[in-house]
Amino acid sequence: MQGRTTVSDEIQSAGTPSATTDSRLETATTPETDSDPRTHRFECRSCGYVYDPQEGVKKVGIPADTAFQDLDPISFRCPVCRSRVAAFRDIGPRNKASGFEENLNYGLGVNRLTPGQKNVLIFGGLALAFAFFLSLYSLR
């Protein structure tokens, strides 16, 4: 009876996801773990202000390279709307590609670009098109 499978064995094996399915689900739902959480940016959910630890907040007197975790949760308020620390959410590091994680593999690789790289691509393309347009005047 070692080679035979019963109906209960098939139901049990069909009901439990395989190890490959589990690992794909874990990688899809967990945030990037290779970056240092002390360099992550935080966005105020009330007004959209983004606290960047590389810049700090000169208006309030917070020097550059101050992690969000090092801020005093009692005295720190959003410089725009005065919301408390609890209103901020982690949006990841500065060089993280923007967009939903499940959509990053589409778009011929453009979705994996950081916002700064997308700006260079867009405005560089516009500048190149304008230069080509101006070069048409030399055809006389």
C-alpha atoms as a PDB file:
ATOM      1  CA  MET A   1       0.000   0.000   0.000  1.00  0.00           C
ATOM      2  CA  GLN A   2       3.029   2.244  -0.146  1.00  0.00           C
ATOM      3  CA  GLY A   3       2.554   3.190  -3.791  1.00  0.00           C
ATOM      4  CA  ARG A   4      -1.144   4.028  -3.458  1.00  0.00           C
ATOM      5  CA  THR A   5      -2.517   7.422  -2.548  1.00  0.00           C
ATOM      6  CA  THR A   6      -5.862   7.843  -0.941  1.00  0.00           C
ATOM      7  CA  VAL A   7      -8.440  10.533  -1.528  1.00  0.00           C
ATOM      8  CA  SER A   8      -7.635  12.126   1.827  1.00  0.00           C
ATOM      9  CA  ASP A   9      -3.937  12.327   0.865  1.00  0.00           C
ATOM     10  CA  GLU A  10      -4.837  14.089  -2.399  1.00  0.00           C
ATOM     11  CA  ILE A  11      -7.155  16.536  -0.638  1.00  0.00           C
ATOM     12  CA  GLN A  12      -4.540  17.240   1.996  1.00  0.00           C
ATOM     13  CA  SER A  13      -1.807  17.807  -0.599  1.00  0.00           C
ATOM     14  CA  ALA A  14      -4.112  19.959  -2.746  1.00  0.00           C
ATOM     15  CA  GLY A  15      -5.131  22.081   0.230  1.00  0.00           C
ATOM     16  CA  THR A  16      -1.600  22.955   1.308  1.00  0.00           C
ATOM     17  CA  PRO A  17       0.387  25.283  -0.917  1.00  0.00           C
ATOM     18  CA  SER A  18       3.787  24.125  -2.066  1.00  0.00           C
ATOM     19  CA  ALA A  19       7.054  25.551  -0.765  1.00  0.00           C
ATOM     20  CA  THR A  20       7.645  27.468  -4.011  1.00  0.00           C
ATOM     21  CA  THR A  21       4.262  29.177  -3.719  1.00  0.00           C
ATOM     22  CA  ASP A  22       5.028  30.149  -0.107  1.00  0.00           C
ATOM     23  CA  SER A  23       8.402  31.634  -1.012  1.00  0.00           C
ATOM     24  CA  ARG A  24       6.877  33.663  -3.858  1.00  0.00           C
ATOM     25  CA  LEU A  25       4.199  35.019  -1.539  1.00  0.00           C
ATOM     26  CA  GLU A  26       6.770  35.955   1.092  1.00  0.00           C
ATOM     27  CA  THR A  27       8.990  37.799  -1.380  1.00  0.00           C
ATOM     28  CA  ALA A  28       6.018  39.622  -2.877  1.00  0.00           C
ATOM     29  CA  THR A  29       4.694  40.887   0.450  1.00  0.00           C
ATOM     30  CA  THR A  30       7.882  41.664   2.354  1.00  0.00           C
ATOM     31  CA  PRO A  31       9.559  45.036   1.817  1.00  0.00           C
ATOM     32  CA  GLU A  32      13.134  45.334   0.689  1.00  0.00           C
ATOM     33  CA  THR A  33      15.384  44.112   3.458  1.00  0.00           C
ATOM     34  CA  ASP A  34      18.708  44.970   1.850  1.00  0.00           C
ATOM     35  CA  SER A  35      18.443  48.685   2.631  1.00  0.00           C
ATOM     36  CA  ASP A  36      19.168  50.324   5.959  1.00  0.00           C
ATOM     37  CA  PRO A  37      15.884  51.414   7.633  1.00  0.00           C
ATOM     38  CA  ARG A  38      17.654  54.467   9.032  1.00  0.00           C
ATOM     39  CA  THR A  39      17.948  55.885   5.486  1.00  0.00           C
ATOM     40  CA  HIS A  40      14.258  55.429   4.617  1.00  0.00           C
ATOM     41  CA  ARG A  41      12.084  58.419   3.833  1.00  0.00           C
ATOM     42  CA  PHE A  42       8.806  58.964   5.668  1.00  0.00           C
ATOM     43  CA  GLU A  43       5.694  60.614   4.231  1.00  0.00           C
ATOM     44  CA  CYS A  44       3.067  62.484   6.228  1.00  0.00           C
ATOM     45  CA  ARG A  45      -0.307  60.899   5.502  1.00  0.00           C
ATOM     46  CA  SER A  46      -2.092  64.160   6.249  1.00  0.00           C
ATOM     47  CA  CYS A  47      -0.374  66.547   3.835  1.00  0.00           C
ATOM     48  CA  GLY A  48       2.110  64.526   1.776  1.00  0.00           C
ATOM     49  CA  TYR A  49       5.293  66.096   3.202  1.00  0.00           C
ATOM     50  CA  VAL A  50       8.271  63.756   2.816  1.00  0.00           C
ATOM     51  CA  TYR A  51      10.925  63.670   5.531  1.00  0.00           C
ATOM     52  CA  ASP A  52      14.264  62.755   3.960  1.00  0.00           C
ATOM     53  CA  PRO A  53      16.995  61.936   6.492  1.00  0.00           C
ATOM     54  CA  GLN A  54      19.708  63.016   4.027  1.00  0.00           C
ATOM     55  CA  GLU A  55      18.298  66.545   3.990  1.00  0.00           C
ATOM     56  CA  GLY A  56      16.892  66.981   7.491  1.00  0.00           C
ATOM     57  CA  VAL A  57      14.569  69.933   8.169  1.00  0.00           C
ATOM     58  CA  LYS A  58      16.364  73.280   8.223  1.00  0.00           C
ATOM     59  CA  LYS A  59      13.154  75.127   9.124  1.00  0.00           C
ATOM     60  CA  VAL A  60      12.880  73.250  12.423  1.00  0.00           C
ATOM     61  CA  GLY A  61      16.626  72.900  13.058  1.00  0.00           C
ATOM     62  CA  ILE A  62      17.041  69.173  12.370  1.00  0.00           C
ATOM     63  CA  PRO A  63      20.480  68.600  10.799  1.00  0.00           C
ATOM     64  CA  ALA A  64      21.076  66.425   7.741  1.00  0.00           C
ATOM     65  CA  ASP A  65      21.702  62.695   8.237  1.00  0.00           C
ATOM     66  CA  THR A  66      19.246  62.466  11.147  1.00  0.00           C
ATOM     67  CA  ALA A  67      17.231  59.260  10.940  1.00  0.00           C
ATOM     68  CA  PHE A  68      13.486  59.433  11.483  1.00  0.00           C
ATOM     69  CA  GLN A  69      13.827  57.024  14.423  1.00  0.00           C
ATOM     70  CA  ASP A  70      16.172  59.512  16.148  1.00  0.00           C
ATOM     71  CA  LEU A  71      13.555  62.276  16.143  1.00  0.00           C
ATOM     72  CA  ASP A  72      11.780  63.006  19.415  1.00  0.00           C
ATOM     73  CA  PRO A  73       8.241  61.622  18.952  1.00  0.00           C
ATOM     74  CA  ILE A  74       6.841  64.088  21.470  1.00  0.00           C
ATOM     75  CA  SER A  75       8.293  67.336  20.153  1.00  0.00           C
ATOM     76  CA  PHE A  76       8.619  66.605  16.415  1.00  0.00           C
ATOM     77  CA  ARG A  77       5.709  67.728  14.255  1.00  0.00           C
ATOM     78  CA  CYS A  78       5.267  67.859  10.505  1.00  0.00           C
ATOM     79  CA  PRO A  79       6.668  71.200   9.328  1.00  0.00           C
ATOM     80  CA  VAL A  80       3.697  71.702   6.988  1.00  0.00           C
ATOM     81  CA  CYS A  81       0.567  70.520   8.832  1.00  0.00           C
ATOM     82  CA  ARG A  82       1.848  70.011  12.411  1.00  0.00           C
ATOM     83  CA  SER A  83       0.852  66.301  12.513  1.00  0.00           C
ATOM     84  CA  ARG A  84       2.538  64.002  15.006  1.00  0.00           C
ATOM     85  CA  VAL A  85       5.071  61.240  14.237  1.00  0.00           C
ATOM     86  CA  ALA A  86       2.289  58.619  14.143  1.00  0.00           C
ATOM     87  CA  ALA A  87       0.917  60.253  10.974  1.00  0.00           C
ATOM     88  CA  PHE A  88       4.078  59.379   9.011  1.00  0.00           C
ATOM     89  CA  ARG A  89       4.544  56.167   7.044  1.00  0.00           C
ATOM     90  CA  ASP A  90       7.694  54.576   5.666  1.00  0.00           C
ATOM     91  CA  ILE A  91       8.023  54.983   1.890  1.00  0.00           C
ATOM     92  CA  GLY A  92      11.448  53.376   1.553  1.00  0.00           C
ATOM     93  CA  PRO A  93      14.871  54.625   0.545  1.00  0.00           C
ATOM     94  CA  ARG A  94      15.478  57.523  -1.829  1.00  0.00           C
ATOM     95  CA  ASN A  95      16.781  55.343  -4.662  1.00  0.00           C
ATOM     96  CA  LYS A  96      13.849  52.917  -4.579  1.00  0.00           C
ATOM     97  CA  ALA A  97      11.876  52.578  -7.785  1.00  0.00           C
ATOM     98  CA  SER A  98       8.478  54.227  -7.505  1.00  0.00           C
ATOM     99  CA  GLY A  99       5.271  52.320  -8.082  1.00  0.00           C
ATOM    100  CA  PHE A 100       3.612  49.145  -6.911  1.00  0.00           C
ATOM    101  CA  GLU A 101       5.910  46.155  -6.418  1.00  0.00           C
ATOM    102  CA  GLU A 102       3.867  43.897  -8.703  1.00  0.00           C
ATOM    103  CA  ASN A 103       4.098  46.385 -11.604  1.00  0.00           C
ATOM    104  CA  LEU A 104       7.880  46.916 -11.532  1.00  0.00           C
ATOM    105  CA  ASN A 105       8.590  44.101 -14.004  1.00  0.00           C
ATOM    106  CA  TYR A 106       6.522  45.652 -16.798  1.00  0.00           C
ATOM    107  CA  GLY A 107       7.253  48.575 -19.097  1.00  0.00           C
ATOM    108  CA  LEU A 108      10.516  47.544 -20.838  1.00  0.00           C
ATOM    109  CA  GLY A 109      12.500  48.195 -17.655  1.00  0.00           C
ATOM    110  CA  VAL A 110      11.346  51.794 -17.277  1.00  0.00           C
ATOM    111  CA  ASN A 111       9.294  50.918 -14.194  1.00  0.00           C
ATOM    112  CA  ARG A 112      12.484  49.922 -12.338  1.00  0.00           C
ATOM    113  CA  LEU A 113      13.978  53.413 -12.746  1.00  0.00           C
ATOM    114  CA  THR A 114      14.118  55.765  -9.789  1.00  0.00           C
ATOM    115  CA  PRO A 115      12.189  59.044 -10.038  1.00  0.00           C
ATOM    116  CA  GLY A 116      15.448  60.930 -10.689  1.00  0.00           C
ATOM    117  CA  GLN A 117      16.390  58.588 -13.528  1.00  0.00           C
ATOM    118  CA  LYS A 118      12.925  58.996 -15.041  1.00  0.00           C
ATOM    119  CA  ASN A 119      13.339  62.791 -14.952  1.00  0.00           C
ATOM    120  CA  VAL A 120      16.688  62.554 -16.732  1.00  0.00           C
ATOM    121  CA  LEU A 121      15.164  60.270 -19.357  1.00  0.00           C
ATOM    122  CA  ILE A 122      12.134  62.509 -19.973  1.00  0.00           C
ATOM    123  CA  PHE A 123      13.809  65.915 -19.954  1.00  0.00           C
ATOM    124  CA  GLY A 124      16.906  64.610 -21.723  1.00  0.00           C
ATOM    125  CA  GLY A 125      14.676  63.269 -24.493  1.00  0.00           C
ATOM    126  CA  LEU A 126      12.883  66.611 -24.749  1.00  0.00           C
ATOM    127  CA  ALA A 127      16.195  68.486 -24.924  1.00  0.00           C
ATOM    128  CA  LEU A 128      17.463  66.116 -27.614  1.00  0.00           C
ATOM    129  CA  ALA A 129      14.252  66.530 -29.649  1.00  0.00           C
ATOM    130  CA  PHE A 130      14.534  70.323 -29.345  1.00  0.00           C
ATOM    131  CA  ALA A 131      18.182  70.171 -30.494  1.00  0.00           C
ATOM    132  CA  PHE A 132      17.168  68.083 -33.517  1.00  0.00           C
ATOM    133  CA  PHE A 133      14.381  70.556 -34.278  1.00  0.00           C
ATOM    134  CA  LEU A 134      16.836  73.469 -34.194  1.00  0.00           C
ATOM    135  CA  SER A 135      19.242  71.558 -36.423  1.00  0.00           C
ATOM    136  CA  LEU A 136      16.579  71.591 -39.160  1.00  0.00           C
ATOM    137  CA  TYR A 137      17.343  75.302 -39.680  1.00  0.00           C
ATOM    138  CA  SER A 138      20.839  74.387 -40.833  1.00  0.00           C
ATOM    139  CA  LEU A 139      19.427  72.486 -43.829  1.00  0.00           C
ATOM    140  CA  ARG A 140      18.930  75.681 -45.903  1.00  0.00           C
END
